[in-house]
Every structure is written in C-alpha cells, then in structure tokens.
PDB file of all heavy atoms in Angstrom:
ATOM      1  N   VAL A   1     -40.370  54.834 -77.363  1.00  0.00           N
ATOM      2  CA  VAL A   1     -39.546  53.680 -77.671  1.00  0.00           C
ATOM      3  C   VAL A   1     -38.147  53.963 -77.068  1.00  0.00           C
ATOM      4  O   VAL A   1     -37.535  55.021 -77.412  1.00  0.00           O
ATOM      5  CB  VAL A   1     -39.482  53.489 -79.133  1.00  0.00           C
ATOM      6  CG1 VAL A   1     -38.613  52.221 -79.441  1.00  0.00           C
ATOM      7  CG2 VAL A   1     -40.955  53.282 -79.751  1.00  0.00           C
ATOM      8  N   THR A   2     -37.784  53.141 -76.343  1.00  0.00           N
ATOM      9  CA  THR A   2     -36.452  53.349 -75.613  1.00  0.00           C
ATOM     10  C   THR A   2     -35.529  52.029 -75.782  1.00  0.00           C
ATOM     11  O   THR A   2     -36.015  50.971 -76.116  1.00  0.00           O
ATOM     12  CB  THR A   2     -36.532  53.633 -74.067  1.00  0.00           C
ATOM     13  OG1 THR A   2     -37.259  52.394 -73.502  1.00  0.00           O
ATOM     14  CG2 THR A   2     -37.379  54.766 -73.856  1.00  0.00           C
ATOM     15  N   GLU A   3     -34.241  52.266 -75.592  1.00  0.00           N
ATOM     16  CA  GLU A   3     -33.282  51.257 -75.553  1.00  0.00           C
ATOM     17  C   GLU A   3     -32.585  51.272 -74.182  1.00  0.00           C
ATOM     18  O   GLU A   3     -32.185  52.346 -73.750  1.00  0.00           O
ATOM     19  CB  GLU A   3     -32.236  51.535 -76.766  1.00  0.00           C
ATOM     20  CG  GLU A   3     -32.761  51.487 -78.100  1.00  0.00           C
ATOM     21  CD  GLU A   3     -31.946  52.038 -79.190  1.00  0.00           C
ATOM     22  OE1 GLU A   3     -30.778  52.530 -78.766  1.00  0.00           O
ATOM     23  OE2 GLU A   3     -32.352  52.065 -80.396  1.00  0.00           O
ATOM     24  N   GLU A   4     -32.512  50.183 -73.612  1.00  0.00           N
ATOM     25  CA  GLU A   4     -31.922  50.036 -72.212  1.00  0.00           C
ATOM     26  C   GLU A   4     -30.484  49.556 -72.313  1.00  0.00           C
ATOM     27  O   GLU A   4     -30.084  48.810 -73.098  1.00  0.00           O
ATOM     28  CB  GLU A   4     -32.806  49.064 -71.427  1.00  0.00           C
ATOM     29  CG  GLU A   4     -34.178  49.559 -71.095  1.00  0.00           C
ATOM     30  CD  GLU A   4     -34.851  48.797 -70.094  1.00  0.00           C
ATOM     31  OE1 GLU A   4     -34.309  47.639 -69.785  1.00  0.00           O
ATOM     32  OE2 GLU A   4     -35.921  49.201 -69.560  1.00  0.00           O
ATOM     33  N   THR A   5     -29.819  50.161 -71.339  1.00  0.00           N
ATOM     34  CA  THR A   5     -28.395  49.775 -71.150  1.00  0.00           C
ATOM     35  C   THR A   5     -28.265  49.148 -69.683  1.00  0.00           C
ATOM     36  O   THR A   5     -28.509  49.854 -68.683  1.00  0.00           O
ATOM     37  CB  THR A   5     -27.421  51.012 -71.199  1.00  0.00           C
ATOM     38  OG1 THR A   5     -27.595  51.620 -72.548  1.00  0.00           O
ATOM     39  CG2 THR A   5     -25.965  50.501 -71.074  1.00  0.00           C
ATOM     40  N   PRO A   6     -27.817  47.941 -69.632  1.00  0.00           N
ATOM     41  CA  PRO A   6     -27.870  47.311 -68.248  1.00  0.00           C
ATOM     42  C   PRO A   6     -26.897  47.950 -67.325  1.00  0.00           C
ATOM     43  O   PRO A   6     -25.825  48.621 -67.719  1.00  0.00           O
ATOM     44  CB  PRO A   6     -27.357  45.916 -68.632  1.00  0.00           C
ATOM     45  CG  PRO A   6     -26.688  45.908 -69.857  1.00  0.00           C
ATOM     46  CD  PRO A   6     -27.399  47.036 -70.626  1.00  0.00           C
ATOM     47  N   ALA A   7     -27.107  47.975 -66.070  1.00  0.00           N
ATOM     48  CA  ALA A   7     -26.223  48.536 -65.073  1.00  0.00           C
ATOM     49  C   ALA A   7     -24.960  47.729 -64.983  1.00  0.00           C
ATOM     50  O   ALA A   7     -25.007  46.475 -65.172  1.00  0.00           O
ATOM     51  CB  ALA A   7     -26.842  48.597 -63.728  1.00  0.00           C
ATOM     52  N   GLY A   8     -23.892  48.346 -64.775  1.00  0.00           N
ATOM     53  CA  GLY A   8     -22.587  47.728 -64.604  1.00  0.00           C
ATOM     54  C   GLY A   8     -22.402  47.271 -63.095  1.00  0.00           C
ATOM     55  O   GLY A   8     -23.070  47.615 -62.252  1.00  0.00           O
ATOM     56  N   GLY A   9     -21.263  46.552 -62.941  1.00  0.00           N
ATOM     57  CA  GLY A   9     -20.975  46.149 -61.627  1.00  0.00           C
ATOM     58  C   GLY A   9     -21.758  44.869 -61.214  1.00  0.00           C
ATOM     59  O   GLY A   9     -22.712  44.456 -61.838  1.00  0.00           O
ATOM     60  N   ASN A  10     -21.213  44.337 -60.201  1.00  0.00           N
ATOM     61  CA  ASN A  10     -21.825  42.956 -59.644  1.00  0.00           C
ATOM     62  C   ASN A  10     -22.070  43.087 -58.224  1.00  0.00           C
ATOM     63  O   ASN A  10     -21.148  42.976 -57.420  1.00  0.00           O
ATOM     64  CB  ASN A  10     -20.878  41.853 -60.038  1.00  0.00           C
ATOM     65  CG  ASN A  10     -21.409  40.531 -59.814  1.00  0.00           C
ATOM     66  OD1 ASN A  10     -22.259  40.354 -58.775  1.00  0.00           O
ATOM     67  ND2 ASN A  10     -21.245  39.530 -60.602  1.00  0.00           N
ATOM     68  N   PRO A  11     -23.233  43.308 -57.713  1.00  0.00           N
ATOM     69  CA  PRO A  11     -23.503  43.391 -56.315  1.00  0.00           C
ATOM     70  C   PRO A  11     -23.097  42.303 -55.494  1.00  0.00           C
ATOM     71  O   PRO A  11     -22.606  42.479 -54.382  1.00  0.00           O
ATOM     72  CB  PRO A  11     -25.169  43.547 -56.265  1.00  0.00           C
ATOM     73  CG  PRO A  11     -25.467  44.078 -57.589  1.00  0.00           C
ATOM     74  CD  PRO A  11     -24.472  43.562 -58.582  1.00  0.00           C
ATOM     75  N   GLU A  12     -23.116  41.099 -56.042  1.00  0.00           N
ATOM     76  CA  GLU A  12     -22.707  39.837 -55.434  1.00  0.00           C
ATOM     77  C   GLU A  12     -21.188  39.917 -55.215  1.00  0.00           C
ATOM     78  O   GLU A  12     -20.821  39.535 -54.155  1.00  0.00           O
ATOM     79  CB  GLU A  12     -23.196  38.629 -56.137  1.00  0.00           C
ATOM     80  CG  GLU A  12     -24.681  38.321 -56.084  1.00  0.00           C
ATOM     81  CD  GLU A  12     -25.345  39.103 -57.057  1.00  0.00           C
ATOM     82  OE1 GLU A  12     -24.756  39.796 -57.952  1.00  0.00           O
ATOM     83  OE2 GLU A  12     -26.641  39.273 -56.925  1.00  0.00           O
ATOM     84  N   GLN A  13     -20.455  40.407 -56.191  1.00  0.00           N
ATOM     85  CA  GLN A  13     -19.091  40.457 -56.008  1.00  0.00           C
ATOM     86  C   GLN A  13     -18.789  41.636 -54.965  1.00  0.00           C
ATOM     87  O   GLN A  13     -17.772  41.437 -54.185  1.00  0.00           O
ATOM     88  CB  GLN A  13     -18.409  40.813 -57.418  1.00  0.00           C
ATOM     89  CG  GLN A  13     -18.236  39.715 -58.333  1.00  0.00           C
ATOM     90  CD  GLN A  13     -16.874  39.144 -58.342  1.00  0.00           C
ATOM     91  OE1 GLN A  13     -16.025  39.988 -58.709  1.00  0.00           O
ATOM     92  NE2 GLN A  13     -16.635  37.955 -58.025  1.00  0.00           N
ATOM     93  N   LEU A  14     -19.373  42.742 -55.038  1.00  0.00           N
ATOM     94  CA  LEU A  14     -19.132  43.831 -54.140  1.00  0.00           C
ATOM     95  C   LEU A  14     -19.359  43.365 -52.643  1.00  0.00           C
ATOM     96  O   LEU A  14     -18.672  43.913 -51.769  1.00  0.00           O
ATOM     97  CB  LEU A  14     -20.028  44.989 -54.458  1.00  0.00           C
ATOM     98  CG  LEU A  14     -19.708  45.717 -55.736  1.00  0.00           C
ATOM     99  CD1 LEU A  14     -20.699  46.775 -55.992  1.00  0.00           C
ATOM    100  CD2 LEU A  14     -18.308  46.279 -55.862  1.00  0.00           C
ATOM    101  N   ALA A  15     -20.335  42.531 -52.509  1.00  0.00           N
ATOM    102  CA  ALA A  15     -20.582  42.032 -51.156  1.00  0.00           C
ATOM    103  C   ALA A  15     -19.380  41.196 -50.549  1.00  0.00           C
ATOM    104  O   ALA A  15     -19.408  41.026 -49.339  1.00  0.00           O
ATOM    105  CB  ALA A  15     -21.866  41.259 -51.179  1.00  0.00           C
ATOM    106  N   LEU A  16     -18.487  40.865 -51.370  1.00  0.00           N
ATOM    107  CA  LEU A  16     -17.236  39.965 -50.988  1.00  0.00           C
ATOM    108  C   LEU A  16     -16.266  40.939 -50.250  1.00  0.00           C
ATOM    109  O   LEU A  16     -15.405  40.357 -49.484  1.00  0.00           O
ATOM    110  CB  LEU A  16     -16.677  39.275 -52.078  1.00  0.00           C
ATOM    111  CG  LEU A  16     -17.571  38.149 -52.739  1.00  0.00           C
ATOM    112  CD1 LEU A  16     -16.738  37.566 -53.920  1.00  0.00           C
ATOM    113  CD2 LEU A  16     -17.867  37.065 -51.805  1.00  0.00           C
ATOM    114  N   VAL A  17     -16.396  42.292 -50.550  1.00  0.00           N
ATOM    115  CA  VAL A  17     -15.312  43.224 -50.020  1.00  0.00           C
ATOM    116  C   VAL A  17     -15.575  43.367 -48.586  1.00  0.00           C
ATOM    117  O   VAL A  17     -16.500  44.148 -48.158  1.00  0.00           O
ATOM    118  CB  VAL A  17     -15.384  44.444 -50.863  1.00  0.00           C
ATOM    119  CG1 VAL A  17     -14.379  45.444 -50.303  1.00  0.00           C
ATOM    120  CG2 VAL A  17     -15.128  44.265 -52.363  1.00  0.00           C
ATOM    121  N   LYS A  18     -14.817  42.799 -47.775  1.00  0.00           N
ATOM    122  CA  LYS A  18     -14.920  42.921 -46.352  1.00  0.00           C
ATOM    123  C   LYS A  18     -13.474  42.884 -45.496  1.00  0.00           C
ATOM    124  O   LYS A  18     -13.564  43.309 -44.400  1.00  0.00           O
ATOM    125  CB  LYS A  18     -15.743  41.686 -45.675  1.00  0.00           C
ATOM    126  CG  LYS A  18     -17.163  41.664 -46.224  1.00  0.00           C
ATOM    127  CD  LYS A  18     -17.865  40.361 -45.700  1.00  0.00           C
ATOM    128  CE  LYS A  18     -19.336  40.260 -46.174  1.00  0.00           C
ATOM    129  NZ  LYS A  18     -19.979  39.083 -45.690  1.00  0.00           N
ATOM    130  N   ASP A  19     -12.542  42.357 -46.153  1.00  0.00           N
ATOM    131  CA  ASP A  19     -11.262  42.098 -45.463  1.00  0.00           C
ATOM    132  C   ASP A  19     -10.206  43.156 -45.830  1.00  0.00           C
ATOM    133  O   ASP A  19     -10.103  43.618 -46.928  1.00  0.00           O
ATOM    134  CB  ASP A  19     -10.779  40.657 -45.927  1.00  0.00           C
ATOM    135  CG  ASP A  19     -11.770  39.550 -45.712  1.00  0.00           C
ATOM    136  OD1 ASP A  19     -12.452  39.531 -44.644  1.00  0.00           O
ATOM    137  OD2 ASP A  19     -12.092  38.811 -46.758  1.00  0.00           O
ATOM    138  N   LEU A  20      -9.433  43.438 -44.796  1.00  0.00           N
ATOM    139  CA  LEU A  20      -8.194  44.277 -45.147  1.00  0.00           C
ATOM    140  C   LEU A  20      -7.095  43.495 -45.643  1.00  0.00           C
ATOM    141  O   LEU A  20      -6.677  42.561 -45.020  1.00  0.00           O
ATOM    142  CB  LEU A  20      -7.765  44.853 -43.725  1.00  0.00           C
ATOM    143  CG  LEU A  20      -6.530  45.706 -43.778  1.00  0.00           C
ATOM    144  CD1 LEU A  20      -6.720  47.017 -44.673  1.00  0.00           C
ATOM    145  CD2 LEU A  20      -6.168  46.188 -42.356  1.00  0.00           C
ATOM    146  N   LEU A  21      -6.720  43.828 -46.894  1.00  0.00           N
ATOM    147  CA  LEU A  21      -5.625  43.168 -47.581  1.00  0.00           C
ATOM    148  C   LEU A  21      -4.216  43.708 -47.425  1.00  0.00           C
ATOM    149  O   LEU A  21      -3.302  43.009 -47.314  1.00  0.00           O
ATOM    150  CB  LEU A  21      -6.028  43.107 -49.094  1.00  0.00           C
ATOM    151  CG  LEU A  21      -7.288  42.529 -49.493  1.00  0.00           C
ATOM    152  CD1 LEU A  21      -7.385  42.538 -50.942  1.00  0.00           C
ATOM    153  CD2 LEU A  21      -7.487  41.108 -48.951  1.00  0.00           C
ATOM    154  N   GLY A  22      -4.231  44.966 -47.133  1.00  0.00           N
ATOM    155  CA  GLY A  22      -2.881  45.606 -46.962  1.00  0.00           C
ATOM    156  C   GLY A  22      -3.151  47.100 -46.633  1.00  0.00           C
ATOM    157  O   GLY A  22      -4.092  47.737 -47.070  1.00  0.00           O
ATOM    158  N   GLU A  23      -2.105  47.712 -45.912  1.00  0.00           N
ATOM    159  CA  GLU A  23      -2.212  49.206 -45.618  1.00  0.00           C
ATOM    160  C   GLU A  23      -0.856  49.717 -45.495  1.00  0.00           C
ATOM    161  O   GLU A  23       0.208  48.971 -45.355  1.00  0.00           O
ATOM    162  CB  GLU A  23      -2.995  49.304 -44.225  1.00  0.00           C
ATOM    163  CG  GLU A  23      -2.397  48.601 -43.040  1.00  0.00           C
ATOM    164  CD  GLU A  23      -3.250  48.772 -41.852  1.00  0.00           C
ATOM    165  OE1 GLU A  23      -4.008  49.780 -41.680  1.00  0.00           O
ATOM    166  OE2 GLU A  23      -3.151  47.847 -40.915  1.00  0.00           O
ATOM    167  N   GLY A  24      -0.852  51.034 -45.674  1.00  0.00           N
ATOM    168  CA  GLY A  24       0.530  51.771 -45.531  1.00  0.00           C
ATOM    169  C   GLY A  24       0.278  53.069 -44.816  1.00  0.00           C
ATOM    170  O   GLY A  24      -0.753  53.758 -45.043  1.00  0.00           O
ATOM    171  N   THR A  25       1.267  53.457 -44.062  1.00  0.00           N
ATOM    172  CA  THR A  25       1.156  54.685 -43.311  1.00  0.00           C
ATOM    173  C   THR A  25       2.450  55.398 -43.385  1.00  0.00           C
ATOM    174  O   THR A  25       3.539  54.863 -43.198  1.00  0.00           O
ATOM    175  CB  THR A  25       0.862  54.458 -41.856  1.00  0.00           C
ATOM    176  OG1 THR A  25      -0.317  53.749 -41.715  1.00  0.00           O
ATOM    177  CG2 THR A  25       0.620  55.719 -41.013  1.00  0.00           C
ATOM    178  N   THR A  26       2.529  56.783 -43.566  1.00  0.00           N
ATOM    179  CA  THR A  26       3.601  57.625 -43.369  1.00  0.00           C
ATOM    180  C   THR A  26       3.325  58.842 -42.727  1.00  0.00           C
ATOM    181  O   THR A  26       2.058  59.253 -42.676  1.00  0.00           O
ATOM    182  CB  THR A  26       4.171  58.034 -44.837  1.00  0.00           C
ATOM    183  OG1 THR A  26       3.080  58.704 -45.586  1.00  0.00           O
ATOM    184  CG2 THR A  26       4.595  56.778 -45.606  1.00  0.00           C
ATOM    185  N   GLU A  27       4.271  59.702 -42.221  1.00  0.00           N
ATOM    186  CA  GLU A  27       4.089  60.876 -41.526  1.00  0.00           C
ATOM    187  C   GLU A  27       4.512  62.037 -42.390  1.00  0.00           C
ATOM    188  O   GLU A  27       5.446  62.031 -43.169  1.00  0.00           O
ATOM    189  CB  GLU A  27       4.957  60.871 -40.271  1.00  0.00           C
ATOM    190  CG  GLU A  27       4.670  59.836 -39.202  1.00  0.00           C
ATOM    191  CD  GLU A  27       3.263  59.698 -38.732  1.00  0.00           C
ATOM    192  OE1 GLU A  27       2.789  60.763 -38.644  1.00  0.00           O
ATOM    193  OE2 GLU A  27       2.789  58.640 -38.609  1.00  0.00           O
TER     194      GLU A  27
END
C-alpha cells in the first residue's frame, strides 16, 4: 500500500523558456 506524491514543475511552462531576457559580463 503506497501513497503517491505528484511531481512538481510544469513541463508546458518549461517549454516556454527559449528567449534571452538579459545578460551581464565582467572581466
């Protein structure tokens, strides 16, 4: 007998991550 915990995160939302929003560079 087991109790399940659903996985977190949203694959559909993660699939939206494609664009560069901002970057910073130093030497």
